[in-house]
Amino acid sequence: MVNDPKQEMERIWNQTCGSWENCNEENIQSFLSQCEEKSIDPQYCMSWVEQHSNQIPNWSDVSKVSLEWVNEHTSTGGPFSGREPQ
């Protein structure tokens, strides 16, 4: 388990997307996958990304792809089985 999930999530964000303006349908999936691999709830990560949606070009497509990813990779889109970040 990661000691500081938010800090790890931000590190993953910097590696996969780099900036809000760079976020697209492809790298958002990579971001969510890597969060899941580190046992960080993808829904928590997506919620964090949504807070910056006004800075993400093409947000409607990015949002749709990420929602589909979360629904496919979490138990019926419900809470992730891992520990929730504090």
PDB file of N, CA and C in Angstrom:
ATOM      1  N   MET A   1       0.838  -1.186   0.000  1.00  0.00           N
ATOM      2  CA  MET A   1       0.000   0.000   0.000  1.00  0.00           C
ATOM      3  C   MET A   1       0.884   1.252   0.000  1.00  0.00           C
ATOM      4  N   VAL A   2       0.467   2.243  -0.704  1.00  0.00           N
ATOM      5  CA  VAL A   2       1.195   3.499  -0.817  1.00  0.00           C
ATOM      6  C   VAL A   2       0.981   4.315   0.455  1.00  0.00           C
ATOM      7  N   ASN A   3       2.046   4.922   0.974  1.00  0.00           N
ATOM      8  CA  ASN A   3       1.934   5.710   2.199  1.00  0.00           C
ATOM      9  C   ASN A   3       1.049   6.936   2.027  1.00  0.00           C
ATOM     10  N   ASP A   4       1.238   7.675   0.951  1.00  0.00           N
ATOM     11  CA  ASP A   4       0.455   8.883   0.704  1.00  0.00           C
ATOM     12  C   ASP A   4      -0.209   8.748  -0.667  1.00  0.00           C
ATOM     13  N   PRO A   5      -1.448   8.243  -0.693  1.00  0.00           N
ATOM     14  CA  PRO A   5      -2.108   7.995  -1.984  1.00  0.00           C
ATOM     15  C   PRO A   5      -2.228   9.232  -2.859  1.00  0.00           C
ATOM     16  N   LYS A   6      -2.498  10.398  -2.260  1.00  0.00           N
ATOM     17  CA  LYS A   6      -2.653  11.606  -3.078  1.00  0.00           C
ATOM     18  C   LYS A   6      -1.325  11.985  -3.731  1.00  0.00           C
ATOM     19  N   GLN A   7      -0.260  11.902  -2.989  1.00  0.00           N
ATOM     20  CA  GLN A   7       1.056  12.236  -3.541  1.00  0.00           C
ATOM     21  C   GLN A   7       1.432  11.246  -4.644  1.00  0.00           C
ATOM     22  N   GLU A   8       1.163   9.975  -4.427  1.00  0.00           N
ATOM     23  CA  GLU A   8       1.455   8.959  -5.444  1.00  0.00           C
ATOM     24  C   GLU A   8       0.586   9.178  -6.673  1.00  0.00           C
ATOM     25  N   MET A   9      -0.685   9.512  -6.464  1.00  0.00           N
ATOM     26  CA  MET A   9      -1.592   9.776  -7.577  1.00  0.00           C
ATOM     27  C   MET A   9      -1.070  10.950  -8.407  1.00  0.00           C
ATOM     28  N   GLU A  10      -0.606  12.003  -7.756  1.00  0.00           N
ATOM     29  CA  GLU A  10      -0.080  13.167  -8.472  1.00  0.00           C
ATOM     30  C   GLU A  10       1.199  12.809  -9.232  1.00  0.00           C
ATOM     31  N   ARG A  11       2.017  11.925  -8.658  1.00  0.00           N
ATOM     32  CA  ARG A  11       3.228  11.475  -9.344  1.00  0.00           C
ATOM     33  C   ARG A  11       2.850  10.702 -10.610  1.00  0.00           C
ATOM     34  N   ILE A  12       1.871   9.822 -10.494  1.00  0.00           N
ATOM     35  CA  ILE A  12       1.394   9.048 -11.653  1.00  0.00           C
ATOM     36  C   ILE A  12       0.837  10.008 -12.707  1.00  0.00           C
ATOM     37  N   TRP A  13       0.077  11.003 -12.266  1.00  0.00           N
ATOM     38  CA  TRP A  13      -0.493  11.997 -13.186  1.00  0.00           C
ATOM     39  C   TRP A  13       0.615  12.669 -13.991  1.00  0.00           C
ATOM     40  N   ASN A  14       1.668  13.085 -13.289  1.00  0.00           N
ATOM     41  CA  ASN A  14       2.775  13.765 -13.962  1.00  0.00           C
ATOM     42  C   ASN A  14       3.458  12.869 -14.976  1.00  0.00           C
ATOM     43  N   GLN A  15       3.538  11.570 -14.692  1.00  0.00           N
ATOM     44  CA  GLN A  15       4.164  10.631 -15.620  1.00  0.00           C
ATOM     45  C   GLN A  15       3.283  10.308 -16.817  1.00  0.00           C
ATOM     46  N   THR A  16       1.991  10.190 -16.598  1.00  0.00           N
ATOM     47  CA  THR A  16       1.098   9.744 -17.676  1.00  0.00           C
ATOM     48  C   THR A  16       0.543  10.901 -18.503  1.00  0.00           C
ATOM     49  N   CYS A  17       0.099  11.947 -17.841  1.00  0.00           N
ATOM     50  CA  CYS A  17      -0.542  13.061 -18.542  1.00  0.00           C
ATOM     51  C   CYS A  17       0.359  14.288 -18.609  1.00  0.00           C
ATOM     52  N   GLY A  18       1.066  14.555 -17.556  1.00  0.00           N
ATOM     53  CA  GLY A  18       1.993  15.680 -17.543  1.00  0.00           C
ATOM     54  C   GLY A  18       1.352  17.004 -17.178  1.00  0.00           C
ATOM     55  N   SER A  19       0.205  17.287 -17.746  1.00  0.00           N
ATOM     56  CA  SER A  19      -0.504  18.535 -17.440  1.00  0.00           C
ATOM     57  C   SER A  19      -1.981  18.341 -17.757  1.00  0.00           C
ATOM     58  N   TRP A  20      -2.802  19.239 -17.252  1.00  0.00           N
ATOM     59  CA  TRP A  20      -4.242  19.163 -17.534  1.00  0.00           C
ATOM     60  C   TRP A  20      -4.489  19.315 -19.030  1.00  0.00           C
ATOM     61  N   GLU A  21      -3.729  20.185 -19.679  1.00  0.00           N
ATOM     62  CA  GLU A  21      -3.918  20.438 -21.106  1.00  0.00           C
ATOM     63  C   GLU A  21      -3.549  19.221 -21.955  1.00  0.00           C
ATOM     64  N   ASN A  22      -2.672  18.368 -21.436  1.00  0.00           N
ATOM     65  CA  ASN A  22      -2.229  17.164 -22.149  1.00  0.00           C
ATOM     66  C   ASN A  22      -3.156  15.973 -21.944  1.00  0.00           C
ATOM     67  N   CYS A  23      -4.076  16.075 -21.021  1.00  0.00           N
ATOM     68  CA  CYS A  23      -4.938  14.944 -20.689  1.00  0.00           C
ATOM     69  C   CYS A  23      -5.843  14.607 -21.878  1.00  0.00           C
ATOM     70  N   ASN A  24      -5.835  13.333 -22.280  1.00  0.00           N
ATOM     71  CA  ASN A  24      -6.697  12.896 -23.381  1.00  0.00           C
ATOM     72  C   ASN A  24      -7.248  11.505 -23.094  1.00  0.00           C
ATOM     73  N   GLU A  25      -8.002  10.961 -24.032  1.00  0.00           N
ATOM     74  CA  GLU A  25      -8.660   9.675 -23.823  1.00  0.00           C
ATOM     75  C   GLU A  25      -7.656   8.546 -23.590  1.00  0.00           C
ATOM     76  N   GLU A  26      -6.497   8.645 -24.227  1.00  0.00           N
ATOM     77  CA  GLU A  26      -5.502   7.570 -24.103  1.00  0.00           C
ATOM     78  C   GLU A  26      -4.780   7.622 -22.758  1.00  0.00           C
ATOM     79  N   ASN A  27      -4.241   8.793 -22.413  1.00  0.00           N
ATOM     80  CA  ASN A  27      -3.437   8.815 -21.196  1.00  0.00           C
ATOM     81  C   ASN A  27      -4.267   8.806 -19.916  1.00  0.00           C
ATOM     82  N   ILE A  28      -5.547   9.158 -19.974  1.00  0.00           N
ATOM     83  CA  ILE A  28      -6.375   9.053 -18.770  1.00  0.00           C
ATOM     84  C   ILE A  28      -6.550   7.583 -18.388  1.00  0.00           C
ATOM     85  N   GLN A  29      -6.625   6.702 -19.382  1.00  0.00           N
ATOM     86  CA  GLN A  29      -6.740   5.278 -19.088  1.00  0.00           C
ATOM     87  C   GLN A  29      -5.450   4.747 -18.467  1.00  0.00           C
ATOM     88  N   SER A  30      -4.321   5.206 -18.968  1.00  0.00           N
ATOM     89  CA  SER A  30      -3.033   4.822 -18.399  1.00  0.00           C
ATOM     90  C   SER A  30      -2.931   5.305 -16.956  1.00  0.00           C
ATOM     91  N   PHE A  31      -3.354   6.536 -16.724  1.00  0.00           N
ATOM     92  CA  PHE A  31      -3.358   7.101 -15.377  1.00  0.00           C
ATOM     93  C   PHE A  31      -4.196   6.249 -14.429  1.00  0.00           C
ATOM     94  N   LEU A  32      -5.422   5.919 -14.834  1.00  0.00           N
ATOM     95  CA  LEU A  32      -6.310   5.128 -13.985  1.00  0.00           C
ATOM     96  C   LEU A  32      -5.755   3.726 -13.755  1.00  0.00           C
ATOM     97  N   SER A  33      -5.181   3.126 -14.787  1.00  0.00           N
ATOM     98  CA  SER A  33      -4.593   1.786 -14.660  1.00  0.00           C
ATOM     99  C   SER A  33      -3.458   1.784 -13.643  1.00  0.00           C
ATOM    100  N   GLN A  34      -2.599   2.785 -13.737  1.00  0.00           N
ATOM    101  CA  GLN A  34      -1.468   2.836 -12.820  1.00  0.00           C
ATOM    102  C   GLN A  34      -1.908   3.133 -11.395  1.00  0.00           C
ATOM    103  N   CYS A  35      -2.937   3.937 -11.239  1.00  0.00           N
ATOM    104  CA  CYS A  35      -3.491   4.168  -9.901  1.00  0.00           C
ATOM    105  C   CYS A  35      -4.005   2.857  -9.321  1.00  0.00           C
ATOM    106  N   GLU A  36      -4.734   2.115 -10.128  1.00  0.00           N
ATOM    107  CA  GLU A  36      -5.279   0.838  -9.668  1.00  0.00           C
ATOM    108  C   GLU A  36      -4.149  -0.120  -9.284  1.00  0.00           C
ATOM    109  N   GLU A  37      -3.082  -0.159 -10.077  1.00  0.00           N
ATOM    110  CA  GLU A  37      -1.937  -1.025  -9.781  1.00  0.00           C
ATOM    111  C   GLU A  37      -1.301  -0.674  -8.442  1.00  0.00           C
ATOM    112  N   LYS A  38      -1.371   0.584  -8.054  1.00  0.00           N
ATOM    113  CA  LYS A  38      -0.803   1.035  -6.779  1.00  0.00           C
ATOM    114  C   LYS A  38      -1.833   0.980  -5.652  1.00  0.00           C
ATOM    115  N   SER A  39      -2.975   0.343  -5.912  1.00  0.00           N
ATOM    116  CA  SER A  39      -4.063   0.206  -4.936  1.00  0.00           C
ATOM    117  C   SER A  39      -4.638   1.546  -4.503  1.00  0.00           C
ATOM    118  N   ILE A  40      -4.661   2.485  -5.450  1.00  0.00           N
ATOM    119  CA  ILE A  40      -5.329   3.768  -5.215  1.00  0.00           C
ATOM    120  C   ILE A  40      -6.660   3.699  -5.962  1.00  0.00           C
ATOM    121  N   ASP A  41      -7.735   3.959  -5.269  1.00  0.00           N
ATOM    122  CA  ASP A  41      -9.081   3.837  -5.840  1.00  0.00           C
ATOM    123  C   ASP A  41      -9.204   4.680  -7.110  1.00  0.00           C
ATOM    124  N   PRO A  42      -9.442   4.029  -8.257  1.00  0.00           N
ATOM    125  CA  PRO A  42      -9.586   4.787  -9.505  1.00  0.00           C
ATOM    126  C   PRO A  42     -10.723   5.812  -9.460  1.00  0.00           C
ATOM    127  N   GLN A  43     -11.765   5.523  -8.698  1.00  0.00           N
ATOM    128  CA  GLN A  43     -12.863   6.490  -8.591  1.00  0.00           C
ATOM    129  C   GLN A  43     -12.413   7.734  -7.827  1.00  0.00           C
ATOM    130  N   TYR A  44     -11.592   7.543  -6.825  1.00  0.00           N
ATOM    131  CA  TYR A  44     -11.001   8.676  -6.101  1.00  0.00           C
ATOM    132  C   TYR A  44     -10.143   9.501  -7.054  1.00  0.00           C
ATOM    133  N   CYS A  45      -9.330   8.808  -7.861  1.00  0.00           N
ATOM    134  CA  CYS A  45      -8.459   9.494  -8.819  1.00  0.00           C
ATOM    135  C   CYS A  45      -9.284  10.270  -9.840  1.00  0.00           C
ATOM    136  N   MET A  46     -10.341   9.645 -10.325  1.00  0.00           N
ATOM    137  CA  MET A  46     -11.186  10.293 -11.320  1.00  0.00           C
ATOM    138  C   MET A  46     -11.888  11.500 -10.730  1.00  0.00           C
ATOM    139  N   SER A  47     -12.288  11.397  -9.482  1.00  0.00           N
ATOM    140  CA  SER A  47     -12.925  12.524  -8.808  1.00  0.00           C
ATOM    141  C   SER A  47     -11.951  13.702  -8.714  1.00  0.00           C
ATOM    142  N   TRP A  48     -10.683  13.403  -8.433  1.00  0.00           N
ATOM    143  CA  TRP A  48      -9.650  14.442  -8.370  1.00  0.00           C
ATOM    144  C   TRP A  48      -9.478  15.100  -9.736  1.00  0.00           C
ATOM    145  N   VAL A  49      -9.445  14.285 -10.798  1.00  0.00           N
ATOM    146  CA  VAL A  49      -9.297  14.819 -12.154  1.00  0.00           C
ATOM    147  C   VAL A  49     -10.503  15.700 -12.506  1.00  0.00           C
ATOM    148  N   GLU A  50     -11.692  15.255 -12.135  1.00  0.00           N
ATOM    149  CA  GLU A  50     -12.901  16.023 -12.459  1.00  0.00           C
ATOM    150  C   GLU A  50     -12.880  17.423 -11.860  1.00  0.00           C
ATOM    151  N   GLN A  51     -12.193  17.598 -10.742  1.00  0.00           N
ATOM    152  CA  GLN A  51     -12.105  18.919 -10.124  1.00  0.00           C
ATOM    153  C   GLN A  51     -11.387  19.912 -11.040  1.00  0.00           C
ATOM    154  N   HIS A  52     -10.659  19.386 -12.025  1.00  0.00           N
ATOM    155  CA  HIS A  52      -9.893  20.231 -12.947  1.00  0.00           C
ATOM    156  C   HIS A  52     -10.438  20.147 -14.378  1.00  0.00           C
ATOM    157  N   SER A  53     -11.662  19.673 -14.512  1.00  0.00           N
ATOM    158  CA  SER A  53     -12.233  19.420 -15.843  1.00  0.00           C
ATOM    159  C   SER A  53     -12.249  20.667 -16.728  1.00  0.00           C
ATOM    160  N   ASN A  54     -12.371  21.838 -16.125  1.00  0.00           N
ATOM    161  CA  ASN A  54     -12.414  23.054 -16.940  1.00  0.00           C
ATOM    162  C   ASN A  54     -11.054  23.371 -17.584  1.00  0.00           C
ATOM    163  N   GLN A  55      -9.988  22.699 -17.149  1.00  0.00           N
ATOM    164  CA  GLN A  55      -8.661  22.905 -17.725  1.00  0.00           C
ATOM    165  C   GLN A  55      -8.303  21.828 -18.755  1.00  0.00           C
ATOM    166  N   ILE A  56      -9.175  20.837 -18.906  1.00  0.00           N
ATOM    167  CA  ILE A  56      -8.887  19.697 -19.783  1.00  0.00           C
ATOM    168  C   ILE A  56      -9.628  19.875 -21.109  1.00  0.00           C
ATOM    169  N   PRO A  57      -8.863  20.021 -22.211  1.00  0.00           N
ATOM    170  CA  PRO A  57      -9.518  20.124 -23.523  1.00  0.00           C
ATOM    171  C   PRO A  57     -10.287  18.836 -23.809  1.00  0.00           C
ATOM    172  N   ASN A  58     -11.404  18.956 -24.481  1.00  0.00           N
ATOM    173  CA  ASN A  58     -12.176  17.775 -24.867  1.00  0.00           C
ATOM    174  C   ASN A  58     -12.624  16.968 -23.648  1.00  0.00           C
ATOM    175  N   TRP A  59     -12.982  17.657 -22.573  1.00  0.00           N
ATOM    176  CA  TRP A  59     -13.343  16.990 -21.324  1.00  0.00           C
ATOM    177  C   TRP A  59     -14.478  15.987 -21.497  1.00  0.00           C
ATOM    178  N   SER A  60     -15.456  16.277 -22.339  1.00  0.00           N
ATOM    179  CA  SER A  60     -16.590  15.351 -22.471  1.00  0.00           C
ATOM    180  C   SER A  60     -16.126  13.976 -22.945  1.00  0.00           C
ATOM    181  N   ASP A  61     -15.197  13.928 -23.903  1.00  0.00           N
ATOM    182  CA  ASP A  61     -14.687  12.636 -24.375  1.00  0.00           C
ATOM    183  C   ASP A  61     -13.795  11.972 -23.326  1.00  0.00           C
ATOM    184  N   VAL A  62     -12.951  12.756 -22.683  1.00  0.00           N
ATOM    185  CA  VAL A  62     -12.075  12.218 -21.635  1.00  0.00           C
ATOM    186  C   VAL A  62     -12.936  11.646 -20.504  1.00  0.00           C
ATOM    187  N   SER A  63     -13.956  12.376 -20.114  1.00  0.00           N
ATOM    188  CA  SER A  63     -14.850  11.940 -19.045  1.00  0.00           C
ATOM    189  C   SER A  63     -15.554  10.636 -19.409  1.00  0.00           C
ATOM    190  N   LYS A  64     -16.037  10.557 -20.643  1.00  0.00           N
ATOM    191  CA  LYS A  64     -16.743   9.353 -21.092  1.00  0.00           C
ATOM    192  C   LYS A  64     -15.817   8.136 -21.056  1.00  0.00           C
ATOM    193  N   VAL A  65     -14.615   8.290 -21.585  1.00  0.00           N
ATOM    194  CA  VAL A  65     -13.655   7.186 -21.612  1.00  0.00           C
ATOM    195  C   VAL A  65     -13.284   6.760 -20.188  1.00  0.00           C
ATOM    196  N   SER A  66     -13.062   7.733 -19.319  1.00  0.00           N
ATOM    197  CA  SER A  66     -12.662   7.399 -17.954  1.00  0.00           C
ATOM    198  C   SER A  66     -13.808   6.731 -17.194  1.00  0.00           C
ATOM    199  N   LEU A  67     -15.018   7.172 -17.407  1.00  0.00           N
ATOM    200  CA  LEU A  67     -16.166   6.548 -16.757  1.00  0.00           C
ATOM    201  C   LEU A  67     -16.327   5.107 -17.227  1.00  0.00           C
ATOM    202  N   GLU A  68     -16.168   4.884 -18.514  1.00  0.00           N
ATOM    203  CA  GLU A  68     -16.237   3.517 -19.041  1.00  0.00           C
ATOM    204  C   GLU A  68     -15.138   2.656 -18.432  1.00  0.00           C
ATOM    205  N   TRP A  69     -13.934   3.214 -18.308  1.00  0.00           N
ATOM    206  CA  TRP A  69     -12.820   2.465 -17.729  1.00  0.00           C
ATOM    207  C   TRP A  69     -13.137   2.094 -16.284  1.00  0.00           C
ATOM    208  N   VAL A  70     -13.597   3.060 -15.504  1.00  0.00           N
ATOM    209  CA  VAL A  70     -13.918   2.806 -14.095  1.00  0.00           C
ATOM    210  C   VAL A  70     -15.004   1.738 -13.983  1.00  0.00           C
ATOM    211  N   ASN A  71     -16.028   1.826 -14.823  1.00  0.00           N
ATOM    212  CA  ASN A  71     -17.106   0.834 -14.776  1.00  0.00           C
ATOM    213  C   ASN A  71     -16.616  -0.566 -15.130  1.00  0.00           C
ATOM    214  N   GLU A  72     -15.653  -0.657 -16.039  1.00  0.00           N
ATOM    215  CA  GLU A  72     -15.116  -1.960 -16.433  1.00  0.00           C
ATOM    216  C   GLU A  72     -14.160  -2.539 -15.396  1.00  0.00           C
ATOM    217  N   HIS A  73     -13.461  -1.684 -14.669  1.00  0.00           N
ATOM    218  CA  HIS A  73     -12.385  -2.157 -13.804  1.00  0.00           C
ATOM    219  C   HIS A  73     -12.700  -2.155 -12.318  1.00  0.00           C
ATOM    220  N   THR A  74     -13.845  -1.638 -11.945  1.00  0.00           N
ATOM    221  CA  THR A  74     -14.246  -1.714 -10.545  1.00  0.00           C
ATOM    222  C   THR A  74     -15.506  -2.558 -10.487  1.00  0.00           C
ATOM    223  N   SER A  75     -15.810  -3.020  -9.330  1.00  0.00           N
ATOM    224  CA  SER A  75     -16.955  -3.899  -9.153  1.00  0.00           C
ATOM    225  C   SER A  75     -18.240  -3.139  -9.465  1.00  0.00           C
ATOM    226  N   THR A  76     -18.779  -3.344 -10.655  1.00  0.00           N
ATOM    227  CA  THR A  76     -20.017  -2.698 -11.131  1.00  0.00           C
ATOM    228  C   THR A  76     -20.017  -1.190 -10.905  1.00  0.00           C
ATOM    229  N   GLY A  77     -18.845  -0.588 -11.006  1.00  0.00           N
ATOM    230  CA  GLY A  77     -18.761   0.851 -10.814  1.00  0.00           C
ATOM    231  C   GLY A  77     -18.911   1.262  -9.367  1.00  0.00           C
ATOM    232  N   GLY A  78     -18.973   0.278  -8.470  1.00  0.00           N
ATOM    233  CA  GLY A  78     -19.114   0.569  -7.046  1.00  0.00           C
ATOM    234  C   GLY A  78     -17.772   0.877  -6.412  1.00  0.00           C
ATOM    235  N   PRO A  79     -17.762   1.029  -5.111  1.00  0.00           N
ATOM    236  CA  PRO A  79     -16.511   1.355  -4.419  1.00  0.00           C
ATOM    237  C   PRO A  79     -15.434   0.308  -4.679  1.00  0.00           C
ATOM    238  N   PHE A  80     -14.231   0.777  -4.831  1.00  0.00           N
ATOM    239  CA  PHE A  80     -13.075  -0.075  -5.091  1.00  0.00           C
ATOM    240  C   PHE A  80     -12.810  -0.926  -3.849  1.00  0.00           C
ATOM    241  N   SER A  81     -12.341  -2.140  -4.043  1.00  0.00           N
ATOM    242  CA  SER A  81     -12.124  -3.042  -2.910  1.00  0.00           C
ATOM    243  C   SER A  81     -10.916  -2.675  -2.059  1.00  0.00           C
ATOM    244  N   GLY A  82     -10.044  -1.817  -2.580  1.00  0.00           N
ATOM    245  CA  GLY A  82      -8.870  -1.397  -1.819  1.00  0.00           C
ATOM    246  C   GLY A  82      -9.229  -0.375  -0.767  1.00  0.00           C
ATOM    247  N   ARG A  83      -8.242  -0.003   0.012  1.00  0.00           N
ATOM    248  CA  ARG A  83      -8.456   0.976   1.072  1.00  0.00           C
ATOM    249  C   ARG A  83      -8.653   2.370   0.463  1.00  0.00           C
ATOM    250  N   GLU A  84      -9.646   3.068   0.965  1.00  0.00           N
ATOM    251  CA  GLU A  84      -9.918   4.429   0.486  1.00  0.00           C
ATOM    252  C   GLU A  84      -8.818   5.374   0.952  1.00  0.00           C
ATOM    253  N   PRO A  85      -8.329   6.244   0.097  1.00  0.00           N
ATOM    254  CA  PRO A  85      -7.358   7.260   0.526  1.00  0.00           C
ATOM    255  C   PRO A  85      -7.980   8.188   1.549  1.00  0.00           C
ATOM    256  N   GLN A  86      -7.190   8.612   2.489  1.00  0.00           N
ATOM    257  CA  GLN A  86      -7.693   9.496   3.559  1.00  0.00           C
ATOM    258  C   GLN A  86      -7.687  10.926   3.098  1.00  0.00           C
TER     259      GLN A  86
END
